[in-house]
């Protein structure tokens, strides 16, 4: 449901973000854009929970060059690069209720 496959070539800067769920599977949660060699820009609501707390970095994976919203498919795709998350930054002015300052950097 809501999953699609695309060709890699038109979107090399697109990042797919996956979060580890309680059953140890990873689910697609958001997209982002590669804006520097090692920086992804996304929305703050993509890297925080309902209380506004940041997700633990060890529960997230980033895929560049993938073509699926299913992590396991990307793991079998030669062009896909899969990265662990080291840091998350959300502005202090982010408000989860109004979505003010809804930006996140990974």
N, C-alpha and C. Protein backbone atom coordinates (compact mmCIF):
# COMPACT_ATOMS: atom_id res chain seq x y z
N UNK A 1 0.84 -1.18 0.00
CA UNK A 1 0.00 0.00 0.00
C UNK A 1 0.88 1.24 0.00
N UNK A 2 0.69 2.09 -0.97
CA UNK A 2 1.43 3.33 -1.04
C UNK A 2 2.90 3.17 -1.37
N UNK A 3 3.30 2.00 -1.84
CA UNK A 3 4.71 1.76 -2.14
C UNK A 3 4.91 1.76 -3.64
N UNK A 4 6.03 2.35 -4.03
CA UNK A 4 6.31 2.43 -5.46
C UNK A 4 7.79 2.24 -5.70
N UNK A 5 8.12 1.78 -6.88
CA UNK A 5 9.50 1.64 -7.30
C UNK A 5 9.74 2.64 -8.41
N UNK A 6 10.91 3.25 -8.40
CA UNK A 6 11.26 4.23 -9.42
C UNK A 6 12.66 3.94 -9.92
N UNK A 7 13.02 4.52 -11.03
CA UNK A 7 14.38 4.41 -11.52
C UNK A 7 15.26 5.35 -10.70
N UNK A 8 16.52 4.97 -10.51
CA UNK A 8 17.43 5.73 -9.67
C UNK A 8 17.91 7.01 -10.33
N UNK A 9 18.16 6.97 -11.60
CA UNK A 9 18.85 8.05 -12.29
C UNK A 9 18.25 9.44 -12.08
N UNK A 10 16.93 9.63 -12.13
CA UNK A 10 16.42 11.00 -12.04
C UNK A 10 16.52 11.62 -10.64
N UNK A 11 16.76 10.82 -9.60
CA UNK A 11 16.68 11.33 -8.24
C UNK A 11 17.89 10.93 -7.38
N UNK A 12 19.11 11.22 -7.78
CA UNK A 12 20.28 10.76 -7.01
C UNK A 12 20.41 11.43 -5.64
N UNK A 13 19.77 12.57 -5.45
CA UNK A 13 19.85 13.31 -4.19
C UNK A 13 18.78 12.89 -3.20
N UNK A 14 17.83 12.07 -3.64
CA UNK A 14 16.73 11.69 -2.76
C UNK A 14 17.19 10.67 -1.73
N UNK A 15 16.83 10.93 -0.48
CA UNK A 15 17.14 10.01 0.61
C UNK A 15 15.83 9.42 1.13
N UNK A 16 15.85 8.14 1.39
CA UNK A 16 14.72 7.47 2.02
C UNK A 16 15.11 7.15 3.45
N UNK A 17 14.24 7.45 4.39
CA UNK A 17 14.53 7.23 5.80
C UNK A 17 13.65 6.10 6.33
N UNK A 18 14.30 5.19 7.04
CA UNK A 18 13.62 4.03 7.61
C UNK A 18 13.84 4.01 9.11
N UNK A 19 12.79 3.62 9.85
CA UNK A 19 12.87 3.53 11.31
C UNK A 19 12.64 2.09 11.74
N UNK A 20 13.41 1.68 12.73
CA UNK A 20 13.27 0.34 13.28
C UNK A 20 12.01 0.28 14.14
N UNK A 21 11.23 -0.73 13.91
CA UNK A 21 10.01 -0.93 14.68
C UNK A 21 10.25 -1.94 15.80
N UNK A 22 9.28 -2.13 16.65
CA UNK A 22 9.43 -3.03 17.81
C UNK A 22 9.75 -4.46 17.41
N UNK A 23 9.27 -4.89 16.24
CA UNK A 23 9.53 -6.26 15.79
C UNK A 23 10.85 -6.39 15.04
N UNK A 24 11.69 -5.36 15.09
CA UNK A 24 13.02 -5.32 14.46
C UNK A 24 12.99 -5.08 12.97
N UNK A 25 11.81 -4.96 12.38
CA UNK A 25 11.72 -4.60 10.97
C UNK A 25 11.89 -3.10 10.83
N UNK A 26 12.31 -2.68 9.65
CA UNK A 26 12.42 -1.25 9.35
C UNK A 26 11.28 -0.85 8.42
N UNK A 27 10.68 0.30 8.70
CA UNK A 27 9.60 0.82 7.88
C UNK A 27 10.00 2.18 7.33
N UNK A 28 9.59 2.45 6.10
CA UNK A 28 9.81 3.76 5.50
C UNK A 28 9.01 4.79 6.29
N UNK A 29 9.66 5.91 6.67
CA UNK A 29 8.94 6.93 7.42
C UNK A 29 8.93 8.29 6.73
N UNK A 30 9.96 8.60 5.97
CA UNK A 30 10.04 9.94 5.36
C UNK A 30 11.10 9.94 4.27
N UNK A 31 11.04 11.01 3.50
CA UNK A 31 12.08 11.26 2.53
C UNK A 31 12.91 12.45 2.97
N UNK A 32 13.97 12.68 2.26
CA UNK A 32 14.84 13.82 2.53
C UNK A 32 15.66 14.11 1.29
N UNK A 33 16.48 15.14 1.38
CA UNK A 33 17.35 15.52 0.27
C UNK A 33 18.79 15.61 0.74
N UNK A 34 19.68 15.06 -0.06
CA UNK A 34 21.10 15.17 0.20
C UNK A 34 21.52 16.59 -0.17
N UNK A 35 21.95 17.39 0.84
CA UNK A 35 22.31 18.79 0.58
C UNK A 35 23.81 19.04 0.71
N UNK A 36 24.52 18.12 1.28
CA UNK A 36 25.98 18.13 1.37
C UNK A 36 26.43 16.68 1.32
N UNK A 37 27.72 16.45 1.29
CA UNK A 37 28.26 15.10 1.17
C UNK A 37 27.70 14.15 2.24
N UNK A 38 27.49 14.67 3.44
CA UNK A 38 27.02 13.80 4.52
C UNK A 38 25.89 14.44 5.33
N UNK A 39 25.06 15.27 4.69
CA UNK A 39 23.95 15.92 5.39
C UNK A 39 22.66 15.72 4.59
N UNK A 40 21.65 15.23 5.28
CA UNK A 40 20.32 15.06 4.71
C UNK A 40 19.41 16.08 5.36
N UNK A 41 18.63 16.80 4.54
CA UNK A 41 17.61 17.70 5.07
C UNK A 41 16.26 17.00 4.97
N UNK A 42 15.52 17.05 6.07
CA UNK A 42 14.20 16.44 6.12
C UNK A 42 13.33 17.33 7.00
N UNK A 43 12.20 16.83 7.42
CA UNK A 43 11.31 17.57 8.31
C UNK A 43 11.55 17.11 9.75
N UNK A 44 11.43 18.03 10.68
CA UNK A 44 11.62 17.69 12.09
C UNK A 44 10.62 16.63 12.54
N UNK A 45 9.40 16.69 12.01
CA UNK A 45 8.41 15.69 12.43
C UNK A 45 8.79 14.28 11.96
N UNK A 46 9.75 14.17 11.06
CA UNK A 46 10.23 12.87 10.60
C UNK A 46 11.25 12.25 11.54
N UNK A 47 11.87 13.05 12.37
CA UNK A 47 12.94 12.54 13.25
C UNK A 47 12.60 12.71 14.72
N UNK A 48 11.33 13.02 15.01
CA UNK A 48 10.89 13.15 16.40
C UNK A 48 9.61 12.35 16.61
N UNK A 49 9.37 11.99 17.87
CA UNK A 49 8.15 11.24 18.18
C UNK A 49 7.02 12.20 18.55
N UNK A 50 5.91 11.67 18.97
CA UNK A 50 4.75 12.47 19.29
C UNK A 50 4.95 13.48 20.40
N UNK A 51 5.95 13.24 21.26
CA UNK A 51 6.24 14.19 22.35
C UNK A 51 7.27 15.24 21.94
N UNK A 52 7.83 15.09 20.73
CA UNK A 52 8.85 16.03 20.26
C UNK A 52 10.27 15.56 20.52
N UNK A 53 10.42 14.40 21.18
CA UNK A 53 11.77 13.86 21.44
C UNK A 53 12.34 13.26 20.16
N UNK A 54 13.64 13.47 19.95
CA UNK A 54 14.30 12.90 18.77
C UNK A 54 14.36 11.39 18.87
N UNK A 55 14.21 10.74 17.72
CA UNK A 55 14.38 9.29 17.67
C UNK A 55 15.83 8.96 18.00
N UNK A 56 16.09 7.85 18.65
CA UNK A 56 17.47 7.41 18.84
C UNK A 56 18.12 7.16 17.47
N UNK A 57 19.35 7.63 17.30
CA UNK A 57 20.00 7.49 16.00
C UNK A 57 20.17 6.03 15.59
N UNK A 58 20.30 5.14 16.55
CA UNK A 58 20.52 3.72 16.19
C UNK A 58 19.25 3.02 15.73
N UNK A 59 18.13 3.76 15.65
CA UNK A 59 16.88 3.17 15.15
C UNK A 59 16.57 3.62 13.73
N UNK A 60 17.47 4.39 13.12
CA UNK A 60 17.23 4.95 11.79
C UNK A 60 18.26 4.47 10.78
N UNK A 61 17.85 4.34 9.55
CA UNK A 61 18.75 4.07 8.42
C UNK A 61 18.36 4.99 7.28
N UNK A 62 19.36 5.41 6.51
CA UNK A 62 19.17 6.26 5.35
C UNK A 62 19.60 5.49 4.10
N UNK A 63 18.78 5.57 3.06
CA UNK A 63 19.12 4.93 1.79
C UNK A 63 19.24 6.00 0.71
N UNK A 64 20.38 6.02 0.04
CA UNK A 64 20.60 6.87 -1.13
C UNK A 64 20.74 5.95 -2.34
N UNK A 65 20.17 6.34 -3.45
CA UNK A 65 20.29 5.55 -4.67
C UNK A 65 19.41 4.33 -4.69
N UNK A 66 18.53 4.22 -3.73
CA UNK A 66 17.59 3.10 -3.72
C UNK A 66 16.40 3.43 -4.62
N UNK A 67 15.56 2.44 -4.81
CA UNK A 67 14.38 2.69 -5.64
C UNK A 67 13.13 2.06 -5.05
N UNK A 68 13.16 1.82 -3.74
CA UNK A 68 12.01 1.19 -3.11
C UNK A 68 11.76 1.78 -1.72
N UNK A 69 10.52 1.72 -1.29
CA UNK A 69 10.18 2.12 0.06
C UNK A 69 10.23 0.93 1.02
N UNK A 70 10.85 -0.16 0.56
CA UNK A 70 11.06 -1.35 1.38
C UNK A 70 12.57 -1.51 1.56
N UNK A 71 13.04 -1.44 2.80
CA UNK A 71 14.48 -1.49 3.06
C UNK A 71 15.12 -2.75 2.49
N UNK A 72 14.48 -3.89 2.66
CA UNK A 72 15.07 -5.15 2.20
C UNK A 72 15.28 -5.17 0.69
N UNK A 73 14.40 -4.53 -0.05
CA UNK A 73 14.57 -4.44 -1.51
C UNK A 73 15.80 -3.59 -1.82
N UNK A 74 15.97 -2.48 -1.12
CA UNK A 74 17.15 -1.64 -1.33
C UNK A 74 18.44 -2.36 -0.95
N UNK A 75 18.38 -3.22 0.05
CA UNK A 75 19.57 -3.97 0.45
C UNK A 75 20.05 -4.90 -0.66
N UNK A 76 19.16 -5.29 -1.54
CA UNK A 76 19.51 -6.17 -2.67
C UNK A 76 19.76 -5.40 -3.96
N UNK A 77 19.74 -4.07 -3.88
CA UNK A 77 19.94 -3.22 -5.05
C UNK A 77 21.39 -2.73 -5.07
N UNK A 78 22.11 -3.06 -6.11
CA UNK A 78 23.54 -2.74 -6.18
C UNK A 78 23.81 -1.24 -6.06
N UNK A 79 22.95 -0.42 -6.63
CA UNK A 79 23.18 1.02 -6.63
C UNK A 79 22.87 1.68 -5.29
N UNK A 80 22.10 1.03 -4.45
CA UNK A 80 21.68 1.63 -3.17
C UNK A 80 22.84 1.68 -2.18
N UNK A 81 22.93 2.80 -1.49
CA UNK A 81 23.89 2.96 -0.40
C UNK A 81 23.08 3.14 0.87
N UNK A 82 23.39 2.35 1.89
CA UNK A 82 22.63 2.38 3.14
C UNK A 82 23.55 2.85 4.25
N UNK A 83 23.07 3.83 5.00
CA UNK A 83 23.87 4.47 6.03
C UNK A 83 23.16 4.45 7.38
N UNK A 84 23.96 4.33 8.43
CA UNK A 84 23.47 4.53 9.78
C UNK A 84 23.45 6.03 10.05
N UNK A 85 22.63 6.45 10.98
CA UNK A 85 22.53 7.86 11.35
C UNK A 85 23.43 8.13 12.54
N UNK A 86 24.25 9.19 12.44
CA UNK A 86 25.15 9.55 13.53
C UNK A 86 24.60 10.68 14.39
N UNK A 87 23.98 11.67 13.74
CA UNK A 87 23.48 12.83 14.47
C UNK A 87 22.17 13.31 13.87
N UNK A 88 21.35 13.89 14.73
CA UNK A 88 20.11 14.53 14.30
C UNK A 88 20.09 15.92 14.91
N UNK A 89 19.71 16.91 14.10
CA UNK A 89 19.55 18.28 14.60
C UNK A 89 18.17 18.78 14.25
N UNK A 90 17.49 19.32 15.25
CA UNK A 90 16.19 19.96 15.09
C UNK A 90 16.28 21.31 15.77
N UNK A 91 15.78 22.39 15.17
CA UNK A 91 15.88 23.70 15.80
C UNK A 91 15.09 23.76 17.11
N UNK A 92 15.58 24.55 18.05
CA UNK A 92 14.91 24.72 19.33
C UNK A 92 13.52 25.32 19.15
N UNK A 93 13.29 26.00 18.04
CA UNK A 93 12.00 26.64 17.79
C UNK A 93 10.96 25.69 17.17
N UNK A 94 11.34 24.44 16.93
CA UNK A 94 10.39 23.48 16.35
C UNK A 94 9.23 23.26 17.32
N UNK A 95 8.02 23.34 16.80
CA UNK A 95 6.80 23.10 17.58
C UNK A 95 6.02 22.00 16.90
N UNK A 96 5.90 20.86 17.55
CA UNK A 96 5.24 19.70 16.93
C UNK A 96 3.75 19.92 16.71
N UNK A 97 3.14 20.81 17.47
CA UNK A 97 1.71 21.06 17.30
C UNK A 97 1.42 21.98 16.10
N UNK A 98 2.22 23.02 15.93
CA UNK A 98 2.00 23.96 14.83
C UNK A 98 2.88 23.67 13.63
N UNK A 99 3.89 22.84 13.82
CA UNK A 99 4.91 22.51 12.82
C UNK A 99 5.76 23.73 12.43
N UNK A 100 5.82 24.71 13.32
CA UNK A 100 6.75 25.83 13.12
C UNK A 100 8.17 25.28 13.15
N UNK A 101 9.01 25.79 12.27
CA UNK A 101 10.42 25.38 12.18
C UNK A 101 10.55 23.87 11.95
N UNK A 102 9.71 23.33 11.10
CA UNK A 102 9.67 21.89 10.85
C UNK A 102 10.77 21.46 9.89
N UNK A 103 12.01 21.49 10.39
CA UNK A 103 13.17 21.10 9.59
C UNK A 103 14.08 20.24 10.47
N UNK A 104 14.67 19.27 9.86
CA UNK A 104 15.62 18.43 10.57
C UNK A 104 16.82 18.15 9.68
N UNK A 105 17.97 18.06 10.30
CA UNK A 105 19.19 17.70 9.57
C UNK A 105 19.73 16.40 10.15
N UNK A 106 20.16 15.54 9.26
CA UNK A 106 20.74 14.25 9.66
C UNK A 106 22.14 14.20 9.12
